[in-house]
Amino acid sequence: MFGEDSSTATVDDARRWAGAYDKLVAFKRELLDLCHRYVERSEPEVAQAIKETDVIMLEMELSRFEQKRDFWKIRASELGGNGRRRGTN
């Protein structure tokens, strides 16, 4: 996302990005849940189209956002809460 830079991130930056990705993960899960509910009450052709397009795309996006969230959580942990990168004074 715009402004994301792991090489210069402070612990506050890392926590903010982890939080942003938490929200995106929640949003994608809501959309997937809506798709699955819609599939259950749709005609077979419509259900199949949703499963073959929307569900696949949302699952891929969800996975990518989860990976980015996890990266930022680990990054925040690595920064150790002092607001600086390791190895700096």
Protein backbone atom coordinates (compact mmCIF):
# COMPACT_ATOMS: atom_id res chain seq x y z
CA MET A 1 0.00 0.00 0.00
CA PHE A 2 1.04 3.58 -0.40
CA GLY A 3 3.57 4.60 2.25
CA GLU A 4 4.51 1.07 3.25
CA ASP A 5 8.28 0.72 3.73
CA SER A 6 9.55 -2.08 5.93
CA SER A 7 13.14 -0.86 5.79
CA THR A 8 12.38 2.42 7.56
CA ALA A 9 9.47 1.38 9.76
CA THR A 10 9.31 2.23 13.43
CA VAL A 11 7.45 0.01 15.84
CA ASP A 12 4.51 2.42 15.64
CA ASP A 13 4.56 2.20 11.85
CA ALA A 14 4.65 -1.59 12.00
CA ARG A 15 1.73 -1.70 14.43
CA ARG A 16 -0.25 0.73 12.28
CA TRP A 17 0.30 -1.39 9.18
CA ALA A 18 -0.59 -4.58 11.05
CA GLY A 19 -3.81 -2.88 12.17
CA ALA A 20 -4.59 -1.72 8.64
CA TYR A 21 -4.13 -5.24 7.32
CA ASP A 22 -6.25 -6.64 10.18
CA LYS A 23 -9.10 -4.46 8.91
CA LEU A 24 -8.55 -5.56 5.32
CA VAL A 25 -8.51 -9.22 6.39
CA ALA A 26 -11.79 -8.75 8.26
CA PHE A 27 -13.33 -7.04 5.24
CA LYS A 28 -12.30 -9.83 2.84
CA ARG A 29 -13.67 -12.43 5.26
CA GLU A 30 -17.00 -10.61 5.35
CA LEU A 31 -17.11 -10.54 1.56
CA LEU A 32 -16.29 -14.26 1.40
CA ASP A 33 -19.01 -15.02 3.93
CA LEU A 34 -21.49 -13.03 1.84
CA CYS A 35 -20.43 -14.93 -1.29
CA HIS A 36 -20.87 -18.29 0.44
CA ARG A 37 -24.32 -17.31 1.70
CA TYR A 38 -25.29 -16.15 -1.77
CA VAL A 39 -24.00 -19.42 -3.29
CA GLU A 40 -26.22 -21.42 -0.91
CA ARG A 41 -29.40 -19.72 -2.09
CA SER A 42 -28.58 -19.30 -5.79
CA GLU A 43 -29.29 -21.38 -8.84
CA PRO A 44 -26.52 -23.88 -9.63
CA GLU A 45 -25.18 -21.86 -12.57
CA VAL A 46 -24.97 -18.66 -10.53
CA ALA A 47 -23.45 -20.50 -7.56
CA GLN A 48 -20.82 -22.10 -9.78
CA ALA A 49 -19.90 -18.75 -11.36
CA ILE A 50 -19.50 -17.15 -7.93
CA LYS A 51 -17.33 -20.04 -6.70
CA GLU A 52 -15.15 -20.01 -9.82
CA THR A 53 -14.57 -16.27 -9.88
CA ASP A 54 -15.40 -14.20 -6.82
CA VAL A 55 -14.57 -16.77 -4.17
CA ILE A 56 -11.22 -17.64 -5.75
CA MET A 57 -10.26 -13.99 -6.16
CA LEU A 58 -11.29 -13.09 -2.60
CA GLU A 59 -9.44 -16.08 -1.15
CA MET A 60 -6.27 -15.01 -2.96
CA GLU A 61 -6.63 -11.43 -1.74
CA LEU A 62 -7.36 -12.63 1.79
CA SER A 63 -4.23 -14.79 1.77
CA ARG A 64 -2.09 -11.88 0.54
CA PHE A 65 -3.49 -9.55 3.21
CA GLU A 66 -2.97 -12.17 5.93
CA GLN A 67 0.66 -12.57 4.85
CA LYS A 68 1.21 -8.80 4.91
CA ARG A 69 -0.48 -8.52 8.32
CA ASP A 70 1.68 -11.32 9.69
CA PHE A 71 4.80 -9.67 8.26
CA TRP A 72 3.97 -6.39 10.04
CA LYS A 73 3.20 -8.18 13.32
CA ILE A 74 6.57 -9.93 13.16
CA ARG A 75 8.25 -6.66 12.16
CA ALA A 76 6.71 -4.89 15.18
CA SER A 77 7.97 -7.68 17.40
CA GLU A 78 11.45 -7.45 15.89
CA LEU A 79 11.56 -3.72 16.50
CA GLY A 80 11.13 -4.53 20.16
CA GLY A 81 8.86 -1.67 21.08
CA ASN A 82 11.59 0.98 21.30
CA GLY A 83 10.66 2.71 18.05
CA ARG A 84 14.00 1.95 16.36
CA ARG A 85 15.33 -0.73 14.13
CA ARG A 86 17.64 -3.26 15.71
CA GLY A 87 21.27 -2.39 15.42
CA THR A 88 20.72 1.36 15.80
CA ASN A 89 21.45 3.45 18.86
